[in-house]
Amino acid sequence: MKAIGGILVFVGIIVGLYVGVWWAFIGGIIQIINAVKATPVEAMPVAIGIAKIVFSGTLGFIAGAVLCIPGMFLAQYK
């Protein structure tokens, strides 16, 4: 059980970093750039991109916690 718990914690950290850094932060920046470059500039994609950037830390934490918390309990299970 400790090995499965360790694997879950490791995967949770990787997933949290991916969601927080790549999908939300960098993806939000790319979304804002693409929305501003579009011929008719629309407010909704810009607003969603800004929201993704602002909440990137929270999204990454939640995505990582979904796997890390059960992994920590499995690692402590005897």
PDB file of N, CA and C in Angstrom:
ATOM      1  N   MET A   1       0.803  -1.189   0.000  1.00  0.00           N
ATOM      2  CA  MET A   1       0.000   0.000   0.000  1.00  0.00           C
ATOM      3  C   MET A   1       0.857   1.268   0.000  1.00  0.00           C
ATOM      4  N   LYS A   2       2.035   1.178   0.630  1.00  0.00           N
ATOM      5  CA  LYS A   2       2.888   2.363   0.685  1.00  0.00           C
ATOM      6  C   LYS A   2       3.376   2.748  -0.702  1.00  0.00           C
ATOM      7  N   ALA A   3       3.639   1.757  -1.553  1.00  0.00           N
ATOM      8  CA  ALA A   3       4.113   2.054  -2.908  1.00  0.00           C
ATOM      9  C   ALA A   3       3.011   2.727  -3.726  1.00  0.00           C
ATOM     10  N   ILE A   4       1.794   2.236  -3.600  1.00  0.00           N
ATOM     11  CA  ILE A   4       0.679   2.842  -4.334  1.00  0.00           C
ATOM     12  C   ILE A   4       0.443   4.265  -3.834  1.00  0.00           C
ATOM     13  N   GLY A   5       0.531   4.466  -2.514  1.00  0.00           N
ATOM     14  CA  GLY A   5       0.372   5.799  -1.961  1.00  0.00           C
ATOM     15  C   GLY A   5       1.452   6.749  -2.450  1.00  0.00           C
ATOM     16  N   GLY A   6       2.698   6.270  -2.518  1.00  0.00           N
ATOM     17  CA  GLY A   6       3.786   7.098  -3.033  1.00  0.00           C
ATOM     18  C   GLY A   6       3.604   7.447  -4.493  1.00  0.00           C
ATOM     19  N   ILE A   7       3.125   6.481  -5.264  1.00  0.00           N
ATOM     20  CA  ILE A   7       2.871   6.734  -6.688  1.00  0.00           C
ATOM     21  C   ILE A   7       1.752   7.767  -6.848  1.00  0.00           C
ATOM     22  N   LEU A   8       0.698   7.650  -6.041  1.00  0.00           N
ATOM     23  CA  LEU A   8      -0.398   8.619  -6.115  1.00  0.00           C
ATOM     24  C   LEU A   8       0.067  10.025  -5.745  1.00  0.00           C
ATOM     25  N   VAL A   9       0.913  10.135  -4.734  1.00  0.00           N
ATOM     26  CA  VAL A   9       1.434  11.452  -4.351  1.00  0.00           C
ATOM     27  C   VAL A   9       2.283  12.019  -5.481  1.00  0.00           C
ATOM     28  N   PHE A  10       3.140  11.198  -6.066  1.00  0.00           N
ATOM     29  CA  PHE A  10       3.992  11.653  -7.171  1.00  0.00           C
ATOM     30  C   PHE A  10       3.152  12.092  -8.366  1.00  0.00           C
ATOM     31  N   VAL A  11       2.171  11.286  -8.742  1.00  0.00           N
ATOM     32  CA  VAL A  11       1.300  11.637  -9.869  1.00  0.00           C
ATOM     33  C   VAL A  11       0.474  12.879  -9.536  1.00  0.00           C
ATOM     34  N   GLY A  12       0.048  13.024  -8.291  1.00  0.00           N
ATOM     35  CA  GLY A  12      -0.692  14.209  -7.886  1.00  0.00           C
ATOM     36  C   GLY A  12       0.128  15.478  -8.024  1.00  0.00           C
ATOM     37  N   ILE A  13       1.411  15.406  -7.682  1.00  0.00           N
ATOM     38  CA  ILE A  13       2.287  16.567  -7.840  1.00  0.00           C
ATOM     39  C   ILE A  13       2.459  16.907  -9.312  1.00  0.00           C
ATOM     40  N   ILE A  14       2.657  15.894 -10.148  1.00  0.00           N
ATOM     41  CA  ILE A  14       2.820  16.126 -11.587  1.00  0.00           C
ATOM     42  C   ILE A  14       1.535  16.719 -12.183  1.00  0.00           C
ATOM     43  N   VAL A  15       0.388  16.171 -11.821  1.00  0.00           N
ATOM     44  CA  VAL A  15      -0.891  16.667 -12.344  1.00  0.00           C
ATOM     45  C   VAL A  15      -1.142  18.093 -11.867  1.00  0.00           C
ATOM     46  N   GLY A  16      -0.850  18.378 -10.601  1.00  0.00           N
ATOM     47  CA  GLY A  16      -1.025  19.729 -10.077  1.00  0.00           C
ATOM     48  C   GLY A  16      -0.146  20.739 -10.792  1.00  0.00           C
ATOM     49  N   LEU A  17       1.106  20.373 -11.050  1.00  0.00           N
ATOM     50  CA  LEU A  17       1.996  21.267 -11.784  1.00  0.00           C
ATOM     51  C   LEU A  17       1.523  21.469 -13.216  1.00  0.00           C
ATOM     52  N   TYR A  18       1.078  20.394 -13.850  1.00  0.00           N
ATOM     53  CA  TYR A  18       0.594  20.508 -15.230  1.00  0.00           C
ATOM     54  C   TYR A  18      -0.616  21.426 -15.316  1.00  0.00           C
ATOM     55  N   VAL A  19      -1.592  21.187 -14.448  1.00  0.00           N
ATOM     56  CA  VAL A  19      -2.820  21.995 -14.497  1.00  0.00           C
ATOM     57  C   VAL A  19      -2.527  23.440 -14.116  1.00  0.00           C
ATOM     58  N   GLY A  20      -1.758  23.651 -13.064  1.00  0.00           N
ATOM     59  CA  GLY A  20      -1.502  25.002 -12.595  1.00  0.00           C
ATOM     60  C   GLY A  20      -0.607  25.810 -13.507  1.00  0.00           C
ATOM     61  N   VAL A  21       0.475  25.195 -13.975  1.00  0.00           N
ATOM     62  CA  VAL A  21       1.453  25.947 -14.766  1.00  0.00           C
ATOM     63  C   VAL A  21       1.103  25.930 -16.248  1.00  0.00           C
ATOM     64  N   TRP A  22       0.947  24.745 -16.806  1.00  0.00           N
ATOM     65  CA  TRP A  22       0.796  24.667 -18.264  1.00  0.00           C
ATOM     66  C   TRP A  22      -0.615  25.019 -18.723  1.00  0.00           C
ATOM     67  N   TRP A  23      -1.617  24.316 -18.195  1.00  0.00           N
ATOM     68  CA  TRP A  23      -2.985  24.525 -18.683  1.00  0.00           C
ATOM     69  C   TRP A  23      -3.527  25.886 -18.285  1.00  0.00           C
ATOM     70  N   ALA A  24      -3.383  26.258 -17.012  1.00  0.00           N
ATOM     71  CA  ALA A  24      -4.013  27.494 -16.552  1.00  0.00           C
ATOM     72  C   ALA A  24      -3.145  28.716 -16.816  1.00  0.00           C
ATOM     73  N   PHE A  25      -1.898  28.723 -16.353  1.00  0.00           N
ATOM     74  CA  PHE A  25      -1.086  29.930 -16.453  1.00  0.00           C
ATOM     75  C   PHE A  25      -0.640  30.196 -17.891  1.00  0.00           C
ATOM     76  N   ILE A  26       0.083  29.261 -18.480  1.00  0.00           N
ATOM     77  CA  ILE A  26       0.576  29.459 -19.849  1.00  0.00           C
ATOM     78  C   ILE A  26      -0.583  29.416 -20.845  1.00  0.00           C
ATOM     79  N   GLY A  27      -1.545  28.519 -20.631  1.00  0.00           N
ATOM     80  CA  GLY A  27      -2.714  28.462 -21.499  1.00  0.00           C
ATOM     81  C   GLY A  27      -3.547  29.728 -21.438  1.00  0.00           C
ATOM     82  N   GLY A  28      -3.632  30.333 -20.256  1.00  0.00           N
ATOM     83  CA  GLY A  28      -4.352  31.593 -20.131  1.00  0.00           C
ATOM     84  C   GLY A  28      -3.670  32.723 -20.889  1.00  0.00           C
ATOM     85  N   ILE A  29      -2.337  32.761 -20.816  1.00  0.00           N
ATOM     86  CA  ILE A  29      -1.592  33.782 -21.556  1.00  0.00           C
ATOM     87  C   ILE A  29      -1.784  33.594 -23.060  1.00  0.00           C
ATOM     88  N   ILE A  30      -1.679  32.360 -23.521  1.00  0.00           N
ATOM     89  CA  ILE A  30      -1.863  32.076 -24.949  1.00  0.00           C
ATOM     90  C   ILE A  30      -3.282  32.424 -25.378  1.00  0.00           C
ATOM     91  N   GLN A  31      -4.260  32.132 -24.539  1.00  0.00           N
ATOM     92  CA  GLN A  31      -5.650  32.442 -24.875  1.00  0.00           C
ATOM     93  C   GLN A  31      -5.859  33.949 -24.989  1.00  0.00           C
ATOM     94  N   ILE A  32      -5.261  34.729 -24.105  1.00  0.00           N
ATOM     95  CA  ILE A  32      -5.390  36.189 -24.183  1.00  0.00           C
ATOM     96  C   ILE A  32      -4.733  36.717 -25.455  1.00  0.00           C
ATOM     97  N   ILE A  33      -3.540  36.208 -25.771  1.00  0.00           N
ATOM     98  CA  ILE A  33      -2.845  36.666 -26.978  1.00  0.00           C
ATOM     99  C   ILE A  33      -3.657  36.346 -28.221  1.00  0.00           C
ATOM    100  N   ASN A  34      -4.182  35.126 -28.311  1.00  0.00           N
ATOM    101  CA  ASN A  34      -4.990  34.752 -29.477  1.00  0.00           C
ATOM    102  C   ASN A  34      -6.275  35.564 -29.561  1.00  0.00           C
ATOM    103  N   ALA A  35      -6.890  35.871 -28.425  1.00  0.00           N
ATOM    104  CA  ALA A  35      -8.131  36.650 -28.437  1.00  0.00           C
ATOM    105  C   ALA A  35      -7.880  38.088 -28.858  1.00  0.00           C
ATOM    106  N   VAL A  36      -6.735  38.647 -28.455  1.00  0.00           N
ATOM    107  CA  VAL A  36      -6.428  40.030 -28.818  1.00  0.00           C
ATOM    108  C   VAL A  36      -6.024  40.123 -30.286  1.00  0.00           C
ATOM    109  N   LYS A  37      -5.376  39.088 -30.820  1.00  0.00           N
ATOM    110  CA  LYS A  37      -4.967  39.093 -32.227  1.00  0.00           C
ATOM    111  C   LYS A  37      -6.131  38.897 -33.183  1.00  0.00           C
ATOM    112  N   ALA A  38      -7.251  38.382 -32.699  1.00  0.00           N
ATOM    113  CA  ALA A  38      -8.399  38.137 -33.567  1.00  0.00           C
ATOM    114  C   ALA A  38      -8.952  39.464 -34.089  1.00  0.00           C
ATOM    115  N   THR A  39      -9.497  39.410 -35.294  1.00  0.00           N
ATOM    116  CA  THR A  39     -10.004  40.631 -35.921  1.00  0.00           C
ATOM    117  C   THR A  39     -11.132  41.265 -35.115  1.00  0.00           C
ATOM    118  N   PRO A  40     -12.238  40.584 -34.849  1.00  0.00           N
ATOM    119  CA  PRO A  40     -13.182  41.186 -33.908  1.00  0.00           C
ATOM    120  C   PRO A  40     -12.803  40.733 -32.495  1.00  0.00           C
ATOM    121  N   VAL A  41     -12.234  41.621 -31.706  1.00  0.00           N
ATOM    122  CA  VAL A  41     -11.801  41.265 -30.347  1.00  0.00           C
ATOM    123  C   VAL A  41     -13.034  41.036 -29.485  1.00  0.00           C
ATOM    124  N   GLU A  42     -13.107  39.841 -28.912  1.00  0.00           N
ATOM    125  CA  GLU A  42     -14.237  39.504 -28.042  1.00  0.00           C
ATOM    126  C   GLU A  42     -13.768  39.532 -26.592  1.00  0.00           C
ATOM    127  N   ALA A  43     -14.642  39.965 -25.728  1.00  0.00           N
ATOM    128  CA  ALA A  43     -14.284  40.126 -24.325  1.00  0.00           C
ATOM    129  C   ALA A  43     -14.257  38.806 -23.556  1.00  0.00           C
ATOM    130  N   MET A  44     -15.094  37.859 -23.941  1.00  0.00           N
ATOM    131  CA  MET A  44     -15.209  36.619 -23.168  1.00  0.00           C
ATOM    132  C   MET A  44     -13.924  35.795 -23.160  1.00  0.00           C
ATOM    133  N   PRO A  45     -13.273  35.534 -24.303  1.00  0.00           N
ATOM    134  CA  PRO A  45     -12.016  34.782 -24.238  1.00  0.00           C
ATOM    135  C   PRO A  45     -10.923  35.505 -23.447  1.00  0.00           C
ATOM    136  N   VAL A  46     -10.898  36.828 -23.524  1.00  0.00           N
ATOM    137  CA  VAL A  46      -9.916  37.582 -22.743  1.00  0.00           C
ATOM    138  C   VAL A  46     -10.212  37.431 -21.254  1.00  0.00           C
ATOM    139  N   ALA A  47     -11.470  37.520 -20.870  1.00  0.00           N
ATOM    140  CA  ALA A  47     -11.847  37.387 -19.464  1.00  0.00           C
ATOM    141  C   ALA A  47     -11.566  35.987 -18.934  1.00  0.00           C
ATOM    142  N   ILE A  48     -11.843  34.962 -19.737  1.00  0.00           N
ATOM    143  CA  ILE A  48     -11.559  33.593 -19.311  1.00  0.00           C
ATOM    144  C   ILE A  48     -10.055  33.373 -19.177  1.00  0.00           C
ATOM    145  N   GLY A  49      -9.275  33.935 -20.090  1.00  0.00           N
ATOM    146  CA  GLY A  49      -7.821  33.829 -19.991  1.00  0.00           C
ATOM    147  C   GLY A  49      -7.285  34.498 -18.739  1.00  0.00           C
ATOM    148  N   ILE A  50      -7.815  35.660 -18.401  1.00  0.00           N
ATOM    149  CA  ILE A  50      -7.392  36.356 -17.180  1.00  0.00           C
ATOM    150  C   ILE A  50      -7.791  35.548 -15.946  1.00  0.00           C
ATOM    151  N   ALA A  51      -8.993  34.988 -15.951  1.00  0.00           N
ATOM    152  CA  ALA A  51      -9.436  34.170 -14.817  1.00  0.00           C
ATOM    153  C   ALA A  51      -8.566  32.929 -14.661  1.00  0.00           C
ATOM    154  N   LYS A  52      -8.163  32.304 -15.778  1.00  0.00           N
ATOM    155  CA  LYS A  52      -7.284  31.143 -15.701  1.00  0.00           C
ATOM    156  C   LYS A  52      -5.941  31.513 -15.086  1.00  0.00           C
ATOM    157  N   ILE A  53      -5.429  32.682 -15.436  1.00  0.00           N
ATOM    158  CA  ILE A  53      -4.148  33.111 -14.879  1.00  0.00           C
ATOM    159  C   ILE A  53      -4.277  33.405 -13.387  1.00  0.00           C
ATOM    160  N   VAL A  54      -5.344  34.116 -13.018  1.00  0.00           N
ATOM    161  CA  VAL A  54      -5.530  34.493 -11.613  1.00  0.00           C
ATOM    162  C   VAL A  54      -5.712  33.266 -10.725  1.00  0.00           C
ATOM    163  N   PHE A  55      -6.470  32.289 -11.189  1.00  0.00           N
ATOM    164  CA  PHE A  55      -6.766  31.113 -10.380  1.00  0.00           C
ATOM    165  C   PHE A  55      -5.872  29.914 -10.688  1.00  0.00           C
ATOM    166  N   SER A  56      -4.751  30.119 -11.363  1.00  0.00           N
ATOM    167  CA  SER A  56      -3.899  28.991 -11.734  1.00  0.00           C
ATOM    168  C   SER A  56      -3.336  28.266 -10.516  1.00  0.00           C
ATOM    169  N   GLY A  57      -2.956  29.001  -9.485  1.00  0.00           N
ATOM    170  CA  GLY A  57      -2.445  28.363  -8.269  1.00  0.00           C
ATOM    171  C   GLY A  57      -3.500  27.527  -7.578  1.00  0.00           C
ATOM    172  N   THR A  58      -4.695  28.060  -7.478  1.00  0.00           N
ATOM    173  CA  THR A  58      -5.790  27.335  -6.837  1.00  0.00           C
ATOM    174  C   THR A  58      -6.171  26.093  -7.635  1.00  0.00           C
ATOM    175  N   LEU A  59      -6.251  26.237  -8.951  1.00  0.00           N
ATOM    176  CA  LEU A  59      -6.581  25.082  -9.794  1.00  0.00           C
ATOM    177  C   LEU A  59      -5.520  24.000  -9.696  1.00  0.00           C
ATOM    178  N   GLY A  60      -4.250  24.398  -9.696  1.00  0.00           N
ATOM    179  CA  GLY A  60      -3.174  23.422  -9.562  1.00  0.00           C
ATOM    180  C   GLY A  60      -3.201  22.729  -8.217  1.00  0.00           C
ATOM    181  N   PHE A  61      -3.486  23.483  -7.153  1.00  0.00           N
ATOM    182  CA  PHE A  61      -3.564  22.891  -5.821  1.00  0.00           C
ATOM    183  C   PHE A  61      -4.700  21.883  -5.726  1.00  0.00           C
ATOM    184  N   ILE A  62      -5.865  22.244  -6.244  1.00  0.00           N
ATOM    185  CA  ILE A  62      -7.018  21.333  -6.184  1.00  0.00           C
ATOM    186  C   ILE A  62      -6.751  20.073  -7.001  1.00  0.00           C
ATOM    187  N   ALA A  63      -6.186  20.246  -8.197  1.00  0.00           N
ATOM    188  CA  ALA A  63      -5.911  19.082  -9.043  1.00  0.00           C
ATOM    189  C   ALA A  63      -4.882  18.164  -8.389  1.00  0.00           C
ATOM    190  N   GLY A  64      -3.895  18.730  -7.742  1.00  0.00           N
ATOM    191  CA  GLY A  64      -2.899  17.905  -7.061  1.00  0.00           C
ATOM    192  C   GLY A  64      -3.451  17.258  -5.808  1.00  0.00           C
ATOM    193  N   ALA A  65      -4.283  17.982  -5.063  1.00  0.00           N
ATOM    194  CA  ALA A  65      -4.821  17.459  -3.809  1.00  0.00           C
ATOM    195  C   ALA A  65      -5.752  16.278  -4.026  1.00  0.00           C
ATOM    196  N   VAL A  66      -6.410  16.230  -5.188  1.00  0.00           N
ATOM    197  CA  VAL A  66      -7.324  15.122  -5.479  1.00  0.00           C
ATOM    198  C   VAL A  66      -6.584  13.779  -5.441  1.00  0.00           C
ATOM    199  N   LEU A  67      -5.329  13.768  -5.834  1.00  0.00           N
ATOM    200  CA  LEU A  67      -4.554  12.528  -5.800  1.00  0.00           C
ATOM    201  C   LEU A  67      -3.612  12.447  -4.603  1.00  0.00           C
ATOM    202  N   CYS A  68      -3.097  13.567  -4.153  1.00  0.00           N
ATOM    203  CA  CYS A  68      -2.123  13.541  -3.050  1.00  0.00           C
ATOM    204  C   CYS A  68      -2.748  13.140  -1.721  1.00  0.00           C
ATOM    205  N   ILE A  69      -3.929  13.626  -1.416  1.00  0.00           N
ATOM    206  CA  ILE A  69      -4.549  13.320  -0.126  1.00  0.00           C
ATOM    207  C   ILE A  69      -4.857  11.831   0.020  1.00  0.00           C
ATOM    208  N   PRO A  70      -5.498  11.180  -0.964  1.00  0.00           N
ATOM    209  CA  PRO A  70      -5.675   9.727  -0.826  1.00  0.00           C
ATOM    210  C   PRO A  70      -4.341   8.974  -0.827  1.00  0.00           C
ATOM    211  N   GLY A  71      -3.365   9.494  -1.576  1.00  0.00           N
ATOM    212  CA  GLY A  71      -2.055   8.851  -1.582  1.00  0.00           C
ATOM    213  C   GLY A  71      -1.375   8.911  -0.228  1.00  0.00           C
ATOM    214  N   MET A  72      -1.518  10.026   0.466  1.00  0.00           N
ATOM    215  CA  MET A  72      -0.924  10.136   1.804  1.00  0.00           C
ATOM    216  C   MET A  72      -1.610   9.193   2.792  1.00  0.00           C
ATOM    217  N   PHE A  73      -2.930   9.058   2.673  1.00  0.00           N
ATOM    218  CA  PHE A  73      -3.627   8.118   3.555  1.00  0.00           C
ATOM    219  C   PHE A  73      -3.233   6.672   3.239  1.00  0.00           C
ATOM    220  N   LEU A  74      -3.061   6.347   1.983  1.00  0.00           N
ATOM    221  CA  LEU A  74      -2.628   4.995   1.628  1.00  0.00           C
ATOM    222  C   LEU A  74      -1.195   4.731   2.080  1.00  0.00           C
ATOM    223  N   ALA A  75      -0.351   5.729   2.043  1.00  0.00           N
ATOM    224  CA  ALA A  75       1.034   5.544   2.474  1.00  0.00           C
ATOM    225  C   ALA A  75       1.125   5.318   3.977  1.00  0.00           C
ATOM    226  N   GLN A  76       0.182   5.853   4.748  1.00  0.00           N
ATOM    227  CA  GLN A  76       0.188   5.669   6.188  1.00  0.00           C
ATOM    228  C   GLN A  76      -0.560   4.419   6.629  1.00  0.00           C
ATOM    229  N   TYR A  77      -1.289   3.776   5.719  1.00  0.00           N
ATOM    230  CA  TYR A  77      -2.079   2.594   6.030  1.00  0.00           C
ATOM    231  C   TYR A  77      -1.169   1.423   6.352  1.00  0.00           C
ATOM    232  N   LYS A  78      -1.483   0.710   7.421  1.00  0.00           N
ATOM    233  CA  LYS A  78      -0.639  -0.420   7.826  1.00  0.00           C
ATOM    234  C   LYS A  78      -1.309  -1.732   7.528  1.00  0.00           C
TER     235      LYS A  78
END
